[in-house]
Amino acid sequence: MTPEIRAFEFALGLFSVLIGLAVADVATSFHRLIRHPGFIRWDPLALLAALYALLMSVGMWFDLWGIRGVASTRQFFFYAVMVLQLFLLFLISAASLPDEPAEMPDLRAYYEHNRRYFWTLVAIFQVLYASLGVYFMGSYIRRESPAVSASFLVVWALLVLLPLALRVVRARWLQYATLIALFAVNLWHYAPYAIN
């Protein structure tokens, strides 16, 4: 077993807990909502935001597997940045749905009240994600064709810019369109990933 894999296994426990907490928070909040179906005014945007938080959690799980053999993952700075990023992921998940349905039974009002905070957290998360992507993929991108390099940069830029747009856009049809674009960019980005 290489030192990189041992370092990865050491860090994986903490990373797993943070990702697990993010998923559990969305699941718990959703469970509380569906237990009060007549009491809740449902909103697709709020539910899509929660689904996006789950997608981000699954994506981070796949990303962790992809860096298991990287030597620089043994450095304290890497752990600190990853813990910060996964802490942000938990905050995003915790903010995606109300914790107590009785306090905010109108999901549309909840989403509007929470929209700027939620998408600001997502944008900060994506800035860190793109920064780590450049760090880990920098040498790979430089070896590839300009088209491949540009595609990585476009994806990372969209992952930051689309949440910022969702933070400021008020028209619901534009929020739907932007959120669908954000899902499409993420799914395109993660489509080739595999754990093997």
N, C-alpha and C. Protein backbone atom coordinates (compact mmCIF):
# COMPACT_ATOMS: atom_id res chain seq x y z
N MET A 1 0.85 -1.18 0.00
CA MET A 1 0.00 0.00 0.00
C MET A 1 0.90 1.24 0.00
N THR A 2 0.61 2.15 -0.91
CA THR A 2 1.42 3.35 -1.06
C THR A 2 1.10 4.36 0.06
N PRO A 3 2.06 5.27 0.34
CA PRO A 3 1.78 6.30 1.35
C PRO A 3 0.57 7.16 0.98
N GLU A 4 0.35 7.38 -0.32
CA GLU A 4 -0.79 8.18 -0.74
C GLU A 4 -2.11 7.50 -0.37
N ILE A 5 -2.18 6.19 -0.60
CA ILE A 5 -3.40 5.45 -0.28
C ILE A 5 -3.62 5.42 1.22
N ARG A 6 -2.55 5.25 2.01
CA ARG A 6 -2.70 5.29 3.48
C ARG A 6 -3.20 6.66 3.92
N ALA A 7 -2.67 7.72 3.34
CA ALA A 7 -3.13 9.08 3.67
C ALA A 7 -4.59 9.25 3.28
N PHE A 8 -4.95 8.71 2.13
CA PHE A 8 -6.33 8.80 1.68
C PHE A 8 -7.25 8.08 2.66
N GLU A 9 -6.88 6.88 3.08
CA GLU A 9 -7.70 6.13 4.03
C GLU A 9 -7.82 6.86 5.36
N PHE A 10 -6.76 7.52 5.79
CA PHE A 10 -6.79 8.29 7.03
C PHE A 10 -7.80 9.43 6.91
N ALA A 11 -7.77 10.14 5.80
CA ALA A 11 -8.65 11.29 5.61
C ALA A 11 -10.08 10.88 5.29
N LEU A 12 -10.27 9.71 4.70
CA LEU A 12 -11.58 9.31 4.21
C LEU A 12 -12.62 9.24 5.33
N GLY A 13 -12.20 8.86 6.52
CA GLY A 13 -13.15 8.79 7.64
C GLY A 13 -13.81 10.12 7.91
N LEU A 14 -13.01 11.17 8.06
CA LEU A 14 -13.55 12.50 8.32
C LEU A 14 -14.36 13.01 7.12
N PHE A 15 -13.84 12.82 5.93
CA PHE A 15 -14.54 13.25 4.73
C PHE A 15 -15.89 12.54 4.61
N SER A 16 -15.92 11.24 4.90
CA SER A 16 -17.15 10.46 4.83
C SER A 16 -18.19 10.97 5.81
N VAL A 17 -17.76 11.30 7.01
CA VAL A 17 -18.69 11.83 8.02
C VAL A 17 -19.31 13.13 7.54
N LEU A 18 -18.49 14.03 7.00
CA LEU A 18 -19.01 15.32 6.55
C LEU A 18 -19.98 15.16 5.38
N ILE A 19 -19.64 14.31 4.42
CA ILE A 19 -20.55 14.06 3.30
C ILE A 19 -21.82 13.37 3.79
N GLY A 20 -21.66 12.41 4.69
CA GLY A 20 -22.82 11.71 5.25
C GLY A 20 -23.75 12.65 6.00
N LEU A 21 -23.19 13.60 6.75
CA LEU A 21 -24.02 14.58 7.45
C LEU A 21 -24.80 15.43 6.47
N ALA A 22 -24.17 15.79 5.36
CA ALA A 22 -24.86 16.60 4.34
C ALA A 22 -26.04 15.84 3.77
N VAL A 23 -25.83 14.59 3.39
CA VAL A 23 -26.91 13.77 2.84
C VAL A 23 -28.00 13.55 3.89
N ALA A 24 -27.59 13.26 5.12
CA ALA A 24 -28.56 12.99 6.19
C ALA A 24 -29.41 14.22 6.50
N ASP A 25 -28.82 15.41 6.42
CA ASP A 25 -29.60 16.60 6.71
C ASP A 25 -30.70 16.82 5.68
N VAL A 26 -30.38 16.65 4.40
CA VAL A 26 -31.40 16.78 3.35
C VAL A 26 -32.47 15.71 3.54
N ALA A 27 -32.05 14.48 3.80
CA ALA A 27 -33.02 13.39 3.97
C ALA A 27 -33.92 13.63 5.18
N THR A 28 -33.36 14.08 6.28
CA THR A 28 -34.15 14.34 7.49
C THR A 28 -35.14 15.47 7.27
N SER A 29 -34.68 16.55 6.66
CA SER A 29 -35.59 17.67 6.40
C SER A 29 -36.71 17.26 5.45
N PHE A 30 -36.37 16.51 4.41
CA PHE A 30 -37.39 16.05 3.47
C PHE A 30 -38.38 15.11 4.16
N HIS A 31 -37.88 14.24 5.01
CA HIS A 31 -38.74 13.32 5.76
C HIS A 31 -39.74 14.10 6.62
N ARG A 32 -39.27 15.13 7.28
CA ARG A 32 -40.17 15.94 8.11
C ARG A 32 -41.23 16.63 7.26
N LEU A 33 -40.85 17.05 6.06
CA LEU A 33 -41.82 17.70 5.17
C LEU A 33 -42.90 16.74 4.70
N ILE A 34 -42.50 15.54 4.29
CA ILE A 34 -43.50 14.61 3.76
C ILE A 34 -44.38 14.02 4.87
N ARG A 35 -43.96 14.14 6.10
CA ARG A 35 -44.80 13.69 7.21
C ARG A 35 -45.96 14.65 7.46
N HIS A 36 -45.88 15.86 6.88
CA HIS A 36 -46.94 16.87 7.04
C HIS A 36 -47.44 17.32 5.66
N PRO A 37 -47.91 16.42 4.80
CA PRO A 37 -48.21 16.79 3.41
C PRO A 37 -49.30 17.85 3.26
N GLY A 38 -50.35 17.82 4.06
CA GLY A 38 -51.40 18.80 3.94
C GLY A 38 -51.03 20.15 4.52
N PHE A 39 -50.02 20.15 5.34
CA PHE A 39 -49.58 21.34 6.05
C PHE A 39 -48.57 22.14 5.24
N ILE A 40 -47.96 21.51 4.24
CA ILE A 40 -46.86 22.11 3.49
C ILE A 40 -47.34 22.64 2.15
N ARG A 41 -46.89 23.83 1.79
CA ARG A 41 -47.09 24.35 0.43
C ARG A 41 -45.79 24.06 -0.33
N TRP A 42 -45.84 23.12 -1.23
CA TRP A 42 -44.66 22.64 -1.93
C TRP A 42 -44.21 23.63 -3.00
N ASP A 43 -42.90 23.61 -3.29
CA ASP A 43 -42.34 24.45 -4.34
C ASP A 43 -41.24 23.69 -5.07
N PRO A 44 -41.36 23.55 -6.39
CA PRO A 44 -40.35 22.80 -7.14
C PRO A 44 -38.94 23.39 -7.04
N LEU A 45 -38.81 24.70 -6.98
CA LEU A 45 -37.46 25.29 -6.88
C LEU A 45 -36.76 24.89 -5.59
N ALA A 46 -37.49 24.89 -4.49
CA ALA A 46 -36.90 24.48 -3.21
C ALA A 46 -36.47 23.02 -3.27
N LEU A 47 -37.32 22.17 -3.87
CA LEU A 47 -36.98 20.75 -3.98
C LEU A 47 -35.81 20.53 -4.93
N LEU A 48 -35.75 21.30 -6.01
CA LEU A 48 -34.61 21.19 -6.93
C LEU A 48 -33.31 21.65 -6.27
N ALA A 49 -33.39 22.68 -5.44
CA ALA A 49 -32.20 23.13 -4.71
C ALA A 49 -31.70 22.02 -3.78
N ALA A 50 -32.62 21.35 -3.10
CA ALA A 50 -32.24 20.24 -2.22
C ALA A 50 -31.65 19.08 -3.03
N LEU A 51 -32.25 18.80 -4.17
CA LEU A 51 -31.72 17.75 -5.04
C LEU A 51 -30.33 18.12 -5.54
N TYR A 52 -30.12 19.40 -5.83
CA TYR A 52 -28.80 19.85 -6.27
C TYR A 52 -27.78 19.65 -5.14
N ALA A 53 -28.17 19.93 -3.90
CA ALA A 53 -27.27 19.70 -2.76
C ALA A 53 -26.88 18.23 -2.68
N LEU A 54 -27.84 17.34 -2.93
CA LEU A 54 -27.53 15.90 -2.94
C LEU A 54 -26.59 15.54 -4.08
N LEU A 55 -26.83 16.12 -5.25
CA LEU A 55 -25.96 15.87 -6.40
C LEU A 55 -24.52 16.32 -6.08
N MET A 56 -24.38 17.45 -5.43
CA MET A 56 -23.05 17.93 -5.05
C MET A 56 -22.37 16.95 -4.09
N SER A 57 -23.15 16.39 -3.16
CA SER A 57 -22.59 15.43 -2.19
C SER A 57 -22.09 14.17 -2.89
N VAL A 58 -22.90 13.64 -3.80
CA VAL A 58 -22.49 12.44 -4.54
C VAL A 58 -21.27 12.77 -5.40
N GLY A 59 -21.27 13.94 -6.02
CA GLY A 59 -20.13 14.35 -6.82
C GLY A 59 -18.85 14.43 -6.01
N MET A 60 -18.95 14.97 -4.81
CA MET A 60 -17.74 15.06 -3.97
C MET A 60 -17.25 13.67 -3.59
N TRP A 61 -18.17 12.75 -3.36
CA TRP A 61 -17.76 11.38 -3.03
C TRP A 61 -16.95 10.78 -4.19
N PHE A 62 -17.42 11.01 -5.42
CA PHE A 62 -16.68 10.52 -6.58
C PHE A 62 -15.35 11.26 -6.73
N ASP A 63 -15.34 12.55 -6.47
CA ASP A 63 -14.09 13.31 -6.57
C ASP A 63 -13.05 12.81 -5.57
N LEU A 64 -13.48 12.43 -4.39
CA LEU A 64 -12.54 11.91 -3.39
C LEU A 64 -11.84 10.65 -3.90
N TRP A 65 -12.60 9.79 -4.56
CA TRP A 65 -12.00 8.57 -5.11
C TRP A 65 -10.95 8.93 -6.16
N GLY A 66 -11.20 9.95 -6.93
CA GLY A 66 -10.29 10.34 -8.00
C GLY A 66 -8.95 10.87 -7.54
N ILE A 67 -8.87 11.34 -6.30
CA ILE A 67 -7.60 11.90 -5.82
C ILE A 67 -6.90 10.99 -4.83
N ARG A 68 -7.33 9.74 -4.73
CA ARG A 68 -6.78 8.84 -3.71
C ARG A 68 -5.28 8.59 -3.84
N GLY A 69 -4.73 8.68 -5.05
CA GLY A 69 -3.32 8.38 -5.23
C GLY A 69 -2.43 9.60 -5.39
N VAL A 70 -2.97 10.79 -5.15
CA VAL A 70 -2.20 12.02 -5.34
C VAL A 70 -1.33 12.29 -4.12
N ALA A 71 -0.04 12.44 -4.33
CA ALA A 71 0.90 12.60 -3.22
C ALA A 71 0.61 13.83 -2.37
N SER A 72 0.17 14.91 -2.97
CA SER A 72 -0.03 16.14 -2.22
C SER A 72 -1.22 16.06 -1.26
N THR A 73 -2.02 14.98 -1.34
CA THR A 73 -3.15 14.86 -0.42
C THR A 73 -2.69 14.56 1.00
N ARG A 74 -1.40 14.31 1.18
CA ARG A 74 -0.88 14.04 2.53
C ARG A 74 -0.54 15.32 3.29
N GLN A 75 -0.72 16.44 2.68
CA GLN A 75 -0.33 17.72 3.28
C GLN A 75 -1.47 18.30 4.11
N PHE A 76 -1.13 18.97 5.19
CA PHE A 76 -2.12 19.57 6.08
C PHE A 76 -3.00 20.56 5.33
N PHE A 77 -2.40 21.38 4.47
CA PHE A 77 -3.17 22.38 3.74
C PHE A 77 -4.29 21.73 2.94
N PHE A 78 -3.99 20.62 2.30
CA PHE A 78 -5.02 19.90 1.54
C PHE A 78 -6.17 19.49 2.46
N TYR A 79 -5.85 18.89 3.61
CA TYR A 79 -6.89 18.46 4.54
C TYR A 79 -7.74 19.63 5.00
N ALA A 80 -7.09 20.74 5.34
CA ALA A 80 -7.81 21.91 5.82
C ALA A 80 -8.77 22.44 4.75
N VAL A 81 -8.31 22.52 3.52
CA VAL A 81 -9.17 23.01 2.44
C VAL A 81 -10.31 22.03 2.18
N MET A 82 -10.04 20.74 2.19
CA MET A 82 -11.10 19.76 1.97
C MET A 82 -12.13 19.77 3.10
N VAL A 83 -11.68 19.91 4.34
CA VAL A 83 -12.62 19.99 5.46
C VAL A 83 -13.48 21.24 5.31
N LEU A 84 -12.87 22.36 4.95
CA LEU A 84 -13.62 23.59 4.73
C LEU A 84 -14.65 23.39 3.62
N GLN A 85 -14.23 22.78 2.54
CA GLN A 85 -15.15 22.57 1.42
C GLN A 85 -16.30 21.64 1.81
N LEU A 86 -16.00 20.58 2.53
CA LEU A 86 -17.06 19.67 2.95
C LEU A 86 -17.95 20.27 4.04
N PHE A 87 -17.40 21.16 4.85
CA PHE A 87 -18.20 21.90 5.81
C PHE A 87 -19.19 22.80 5.07
N LEU A 88 -18.72 23.45 4.01
CA LEU A 88 -19.61 24.26 3.18
C LEU A 88 -20.69 23.38 2.55
N LEU A 89 -20.32 22.19 2.13
CA LEU A 89 -21.30 21.27 1.56
C LEU A 89 -22.38 20.93 2.58
N PHE A 90 -21.99 20.74 3.83
CA PHE A 90 -22.99 20.50 4.87
C PHE A 90 -23.90 21.72 5.05
N LEU A 91 -23.32 22.92 5.08
CA LEU A 91 -24.14 24.12 5.23
C LEU A 91 -25.12 24.27 4.07
N ILE A 92 -24.66 23.96 2.86
CA ILE A 92 -25.54 24.01 1.69
C ILE A 92 -26.71 23.05 1.86
N SER A 93 -26.40 21.83 2.27
CA SER A 93 -27.45 20.83 2.46
C SER A 93 -28.40 21.23 3.57
N ALA A 94 -27.86 21.76 4.66
CA ALA A 94 -28.69 22.17 5.78
C ALA A 94 -29.60 23.34 5.41
N ALA A 95 -29.15 24.18 4.49
CA ALA A 95 -29.94 25.34 4.09
C ALA A 95 -30.94 25.03 2.97
N SER A 96 -30.86 23.85 2.38
CA SER A 96 -31.69 23.56 1.21
C SER A 96 -33.17 23.40 1.53
N LEU A 97 -33.48 22.88 2.70
CA LEU A 97 -34.88 22.69 3.12
C LEU A 97 -35.01 23.14 4.58
N PRO A 98 -36.22 23.55 4.98
CA PRO A 98 -36.39 23.97 6.38
C PRO A 98 -36.24 22.78 7.33
N ASP A 99 -35.65 23.02 8.48
CA ASP A 99 -35.47 21.96 9.47
C ASP A 99 -36.78 21.59 10.15
N GLU A 100 -37.60 22.58 10.40
CA GLU A 100 -38.89 22.35 11.06
C GLU A 100 -40.02 22.85 10.16
N PRO A 101 -40.83 21.96 9.63
CA PRO A 101 -41.92 22.37 8.73
C PRO A 101 -42.87 23.38 9.36
N ALA A 102 -43.10 23.27 10.67
CA ALA A 102 -44.04 24.18 11.33
C ALA A 102 -43.54 25.63 11.27
N GLU A 103 -42.22 25.82 11.27
CA GLU A 103 -41.67 27.16 11.25
C GLU A 103 -41.77 27.81 9.86
N MET A 104 -41.69 27.01 8.81
CA MET A 104 -41.73 27.54 7.45
C MET A 104 -42.46 26.54 6.55
N PRO A 105 -43.80 26.49 6.64
CA PRO A 105 -44.55 25.48 5.86
C PRO A 105 -44.67 25.82 4.38
N ASP A 106 -44.37 27.06 3.99
CA ASP A 106 -44.46 27.48 2.59
C ASP A 106 -43.06 27.39 1.98
N LEU A 107 -42.81 26.35 1.19
CA LEU A 107 -41.48 26.15 0.63
C LEU A 107 -41.10 27.23 -0.38
N ARG A 108 -42.07 27.80 -1.03
CA ARG A 108 -41.77 28.90 -1.95
C ARG A 108 -41.25 30.11 -1.18
N ALA A 109 -41.91 30.44 -0.08
CA ALA A 109 -41.45 31.55 0.77
C ALA A 109 -40.09 31.22 1.38
N TYR A 110 -39.91 29.95 1.79
CA TYR A 110 -38.63 29.53 2.35
C TYR A 110 -37.51 29.70 1.33
N TYR A 111 -37.77 29.24 0.11
CA TYR A 111 -36.75 29.34 -0.93
C TYR A 111 -36.39 30.80 -1.21
N GLU A 112 -37.40 31.64 -1.33
CA GLU A 112 -37.14 33.07 -1.60
C GLU A 112 -36.38 33.72 -0.45
N HIS A 113 -36.77 33.40 0.77
CA HIS A 113 -36.10 33.95 1.95
C HIS A 113 -34.64 33.48 2.03
N ASN A 114 -34.41 32.27 1.61
CA ASN A 114 -33.12 31.59 1.77
C ASN A 114 -32.24 31.61 0.52
N ARG A 115 -32.80 32.04 -0.61
CA ARG A 115 -32.15 31.90 -1.92
C ARG A 115 -30.76 32.52 -1.97
N ARG A 116 -30.62 33.74 -1.53
CA ARG A 116 -29.32 34.43 -1.63
C ARG A 116 -28.26 33.72 -0.77
N TYR A 117 -28.64 33.33 0.42
CA TYR A 117 -27.71 32.61 1.32
C TYR A 117 -27.30 31.27 0.71
N PHE A 118 -28.29 30.50 0.27
CA PHE A 118 -28.03 29.18 -0.29
C PHE A 118 -27.09 29.25 -1.49
N TRP A 119 -27.41 30.11 -2.47
CA TRP A 119 -26.62 30.15 -3.69
C TRP A 119 -25.27 30.83 -3.46
N THR A 120 -25.16 31.70 -2.46
CA THR A 120 -23.84 32.25 -2.10
C THR A 120 -22.94 31.13 -1.58
N LEU A 121 -23.49 30.28 -0.71
CA LEU A 121 -22.71 29.13 -0.22
C LEU A 121 -22.29 28.22 -1.37
N VAL A 122 -23.21 27.97 -2.30
CA VAL A 122 -22.89 27.11 -3.45
C VAL A 122 -21.77 27.75 -4.28
N ALA A 123 -21.85 29.06 -4.51
CA ALA A 123 -20.82 29.74 -5.30
C ALA A 123 -19.46 29.67 -4.61
N ILE A 124 -19.43 29.88 -3.30
CA ILE A 124 -18.16 29.79 -2.55
C ILE A 124 -17.61 28.36 -2.65
N PHE A 125 -18.49 27.38 -2.47
CA PHE A 125 -18.09 25.98 -2.60
C PHE A 125 -17.48 25.73 -3.98
N GLN A 126 -18.14 26.24 -5.02
CA GLN A 126 -17.68 25.99 -6.38
C GLN A 126 -16.37 26.72 -6.69
N VAL A 127 -16.13 27.87 -6.07
CA VAL A 127 -14.83 28.55 -6.23
C VAL A 127 -13.73 27.66 -5.66
N LEU A 128 -13.96 27.10 -4.48
CA LEU A 128 -12.98 26.17 -3.90
C LEU A 128 -12.83 24.93 -4.77
N TYR A 129 -13.97 24.41 -5.26
CA TYR A 129 -13.94 23.22 -6.11
C TYR A 129 -13.13 23.47 -7.37
N ALA A 130 -13.38 24.60 -8.02
CA ALA A 130 -12.63 24.94 -9.24
C ALA A 130 -11.15 25.13 -8.93
N SER A 131 -10.84 25.76 -7.80
CA SER A 131 -9.44 25.97 -7.42
C SER A 131 -8.73 24.63 -7.22
N LEU A 132 -9.39 23.71 -6.52
CA LEU A 132 -8.80 22.38 -6.34
C LEU A 132 -8.72 21.64 -7.67
N GLY A 133 -9.71 21.85 -8.54
CA GLY A 133 -9.67 21.23 -9.86
C GLY A 133 -8.47 21.70 -10.66
N VAL A 134 -8.21 22.99 -10.63
CA VAL A 134 -7.04 23.52 -11.33
C VAL A 134 -5.77 22.94 -10.70
N TYR A 135 -5.74 22.86 -9.38
CA TYR A 135 -4.57 22.32 -8.68
C TYR A 135 -4.32 20.87 -9.08
N PHE A 136 -5.37 20.03 -9.02
CA PHE A 136 -5.19 18.61 -9.29
C PHE A 136 -5.11 18.28 -10.77
N MET A 137 -5.81 19.04 -11.59
CA MET A 137 -5.87 18.71 -13.01
C MET A 137 -4.96 19.60 -13.86
N GLY A 138 -4.27 20.55 -13.24
CA GLY A 138 -3.46 21.51 -13.98
C GLY A 138 -2.48 20.88 -14.95
N SER A 139 -1.71 19.90 -14.47
CA SER A 139 -0.71 19.28 -15.35
C SER A 139 -1.40 18.46 -16.44
N TYR A 140 -2.52 17.81 -16.11
CA TYR A 140 -3.27 17.05 -17.11
C TYR A 140 -3.82 17.98 -18.19
N ILE A 141 -4.38 19.09 -17.76
CA ILE A 141 -4.97 20.04 -18.71
C ILE A 141 -3.91 20.60 -19.65
N ARG A 142 -2.72 20.90 -19.12
CA ARG A 142 -1.65 21.46 -19.96
C ARG A 142 -1.20 20.46 -21.03
N ARG A 143 -1.30 19.16 -20.75
CA ARG A 143 -0.88 18.13 -21.72
C ARG A 143 -1.93 17.89 -22.80
N GLU A 144 -3.16 18.28 -22.54
CA GLU A 144 -4.26 18.03 -23.47
C GLU A 144 -4.34 19.12 -24.53
N SER A 145 -5.21 18.89 -25.48
CA SER A 145 -5.43 19.87 -26.55
C SER A 145 -6.07 21.12 -25.97
N PRO A 146 -5.95 22.24 -26.68
CA PRO A 146 -6.60 23.47 -26.21
C PRO A 146 -8.11 23.31 -26.04
N ALA A 147 -8.74 22.48 -26.86
CA ALA A 147 -10.20 22.28 -26.75
C ALA A 147 -10.55 21.59 -25.42
N VAL A 148 -9.78 20.58 -25.03
CA VAL A 148 -10.03 19.88 -23.77
C VAL A 148 -9.76 20.83 -22.60
N SER A 149 -8.68 21.58 -22.66
CA SER A 149 -8.37 22.55 -21.61
C SER A 149 -9.48 23.58 -21.49
N ALA A 150 -9.97 24.07 -22.63
CA ALA A 150 -11.04 25.06 -22.61
C ALA A 150 -12.32 24.47 -22.03
N SER A 151 -12.61 23.20 -22.32
CA SER A 151 -13.84 22.60 -21.79
C SER A 151 -13.80 22.50 -20.27
N PHE A 152 -12.63 22.15 -19.70
CA PHE A 152 -12.50 22.13 -18.24
C PHE A 152 -12.73 23.52 -17.66
N LEU A 153 -12.11 24.51 -18.26
CA LEU A 153 -12.24 25.88 -17.75
C LEU A 153 -13.67 26.40 -17.88
N VAL A 154 -14.35 26.05 -18.97
CA VAL A 154 -15.74 26.48 -19.15
C VAL A 154 -16.63 25.84 -18.09
N VAL A 155 -16.44 24.55 -17.84
CA VAL A 155 -17.25 23.86 -16.82
C VAL A 155 -17.03 24.51 -15.47
N TRP A 156 -15.77 24.72 -15.09
CA TRP A 156 -15.50 25.33 -13.77
C TRP A 156 -16.07 26.74 -13.69
N ALA A 157 -15.99 27.50 -14.76
CA ALA A 157 -16.55 28.85 -14.77
C ALA A 157 -18.07 28.80 -14.61
N LEU A 158 -18.72 27.89 -15.32
CA LEU A 158 -20.17 27.76 -15.21
C LEU A 158 -20.60 27.32 -13.81
N LEU A 159 -19.81 26.43 -13.20
CA LEU A 159 -20.14 25.98 -11.85
C LEU A 159 -20.10 27.12 -10.84
N VAL A 160 -19.33 28.16 -11.12
CA VAL A 160 -19.28 29.34 -10.25
C VAL A 160 -20.32 30.37 -10.68
N LEU A 161 -20.42 30.64 -11.97
CA LEU A 161 -21.28 31.72 -12.46
C LEU A 161 -22.77 31.41 -12.36
N LEU A 162 -23.17 30.18 -12.59
CA LEU A 162 -24.59 29.85 -12.53
C LEU A 162 -25.17 30.02 -11.12
N PRO A 163 -24.48 29.55 -10.06
CA PRO A 163 -25.01 29.83 -8.71
C PRO A 163 -25.04 31.32 -8.39
N LEU A 164 -24.07 32.07 -8.89
CA LEU A 164 -24.12 33.52 -8.67
C LEU A 164 -25.33 34.13 -9.37
N ALA A 165 -25.65 33.63 -10.55
CA ALA A 165 -26.84 34.11 -11.25
C ALA A 165 -28.10 33.77 -10.46
N LEU A 166 -28.16 32.55 -9.92
CA LEU A 166 -29.32 32.15 -9.12
C LEU A 166 -29.45 32.99 -7.85
N ARG A 167 -28.35 33.50 -7.39
CA ARG A 167 -28.37 34.36 -6.20
C ARG A 167 -29.07 35.68 -6.48
N VAL A 168 -28.93 36.21 -7.69
CA VAL A 168 -29.45 37.55 -7.98
C VAL A 168 -30.71 37.55 -8.84
N VAL A 169 -30.94 36.51 -9.62
CA VAL A 169 -32.10 36.47 -10.52
C VAL A 169 -33.37 36.24 -9.70
N ARG A 170 -34.39 37.05 -9.97
CA ARG A 170 -35.64 36.92 -9.22
C ARG A 170 -36.75 36.25 -10.03
N ALA A 171 -36.70 36.37 -11.35
CA ALA A 171 -37.75 35.77 -12.18
C ALA A 171 -37.69 34.25 -12.06
N ARG A 172 -38.81 33.66 -11.69
CA ARG A 172 -38.82 32.22 -11.43
C ARG A 172 -38.52 31.40 -12.68
N TRP A 173 -39.01 31.80 -13.85
CA TRP A 173 -38.74 31.05 -15.06
C TRP A 173 -37.24 31.05 -15.36
N LEU A 174 -36.56 32.17 -15.05
CA LEU A 174 -35.12 32.26 -15.27
C LEU A 174 -34.36 31.44 -14.22
N GLN A 175 -34.91 31.38 -13.02
CA GLN A 175 -34.30 30.52 -11.99
C GLN A 175 -34.39 29.05 -12.41
N TYR A 176 -35.56 28.65 -12.93
CA TYR A 176 -35.71 27.27 -13.41
C TYR A 176 -34.70 26.99 -14.53
N ALA A 177 -34.61 27.89 -15.49
CA ALA A 177 -33.70 27.69 -16.62
C ALA A 177 -32.25 27.61 -16.16
N THR A 178 -31.87 28.48 -15.23
CA THR A 178 -30.49 28.48 -14.73
C THR A 178 -30.20 27.23 -13.92
N LEU A 179 -31.16 26.82 -13.11
CA LEU A 179 -30.97 25.61 -12.30
C LEU A 179 -30.89 24.37 -13.18
N ILE A 180 -31.69 24.31 -14.23
CA ILE A 180 -31.61 23.18 -15.17
C ILE A 180 -30.24 23.18 -15.85
N ALA A 181 -29.75 24.36 -16.23
CA ALA A 181 -28.42 24.45 -16.83
C ALA A 181 -27.35 23.98 -15.84
N LEU A 182 -27.51 24.33 -14.58
CA LEU A 182 -26.54 23.92 -13.55
C LEU A 182 -26.55 22.41 -13.38
N PHE A 183 -27.73 21.81 -13.36
CA PHE A 183 -27.81 20.34 -13.32
C PHE A 183 -27.13 19.73 -14.54
N ALA A 184 -27.40 20.29 -15.72
CA ALA A 184 -26.82 19.75 -16.95
C ALA A 184 -25.30 19.81 -16.92
N VAL A 185 -24.74 20.93 -16.48
CA VAL A 185 -23.27 21.08 -16.40
C VAL A 185 -22.70 20.05 -15.43
N ASN A 186 -23.33 19.89 -14.27
CA ASN A 186 -22.84 18.90 -13.29
C ASN A 186 -22.93 17.49 -13.82
N LEU A 187 -24.05 17.14 -14.42
CA LEU A 187 -24.21 15.78 -14.93
C LEU A 187 -23.24 15.51 -16.07
N TRP A 188 -23.02 16.49 -16.93
CA TRP A 188 -22.04 16.33 -18.01
C TRP A 188 -20.64 16.16 -17.42
N HIS A 189 -20.34 16.94 -16.38
CA HIS A 189 -19.02 16.88 -15.74
C HIS A 189 -18.77 15.51 -15.10
N TYR A 190 -19.78 14.98 -14.41
CA TYR A 190 -19.59 13.73 -13.68
C TYR A 190 -19.91 12.47 -14.49
N ALA A 191 -20.51 12.61 -15.67
CA ALA A 191 -20.90 11.44 -16.47
C ALA A 191 -19.76 10.45 -16.70
N PRO A 192 -18.53 10.91 -17.00
CA PRO A 192 -17.48 9.91 -17.26
C PRO A 192 -16.85 9.30 -15.99
N TYR A 193 -17.20 9.80 -14.82
CA TYR A 193 -16.59 9.30 -13.58
C TYR A 193 -17.03 7.87 -13.29
N ALA A 194 -16.11 7.11 -12.73
CA ALA A 194 -16.41 5.74 -12.33
C ALA A 194 -15.49 5.35 -11.16
N ILE A 195 -15.99 4.52 -10.28
CA ILE A 195 -15.16 3.98 -9.20
C ILE A 195 -14.73 2.60 -9.65
N ASN A 196 -13.42 2.44 -9.82
CA ASN A 196 -12.91 1.13 -10.24
C ASN A 196 -11.64 0.80 -9.52
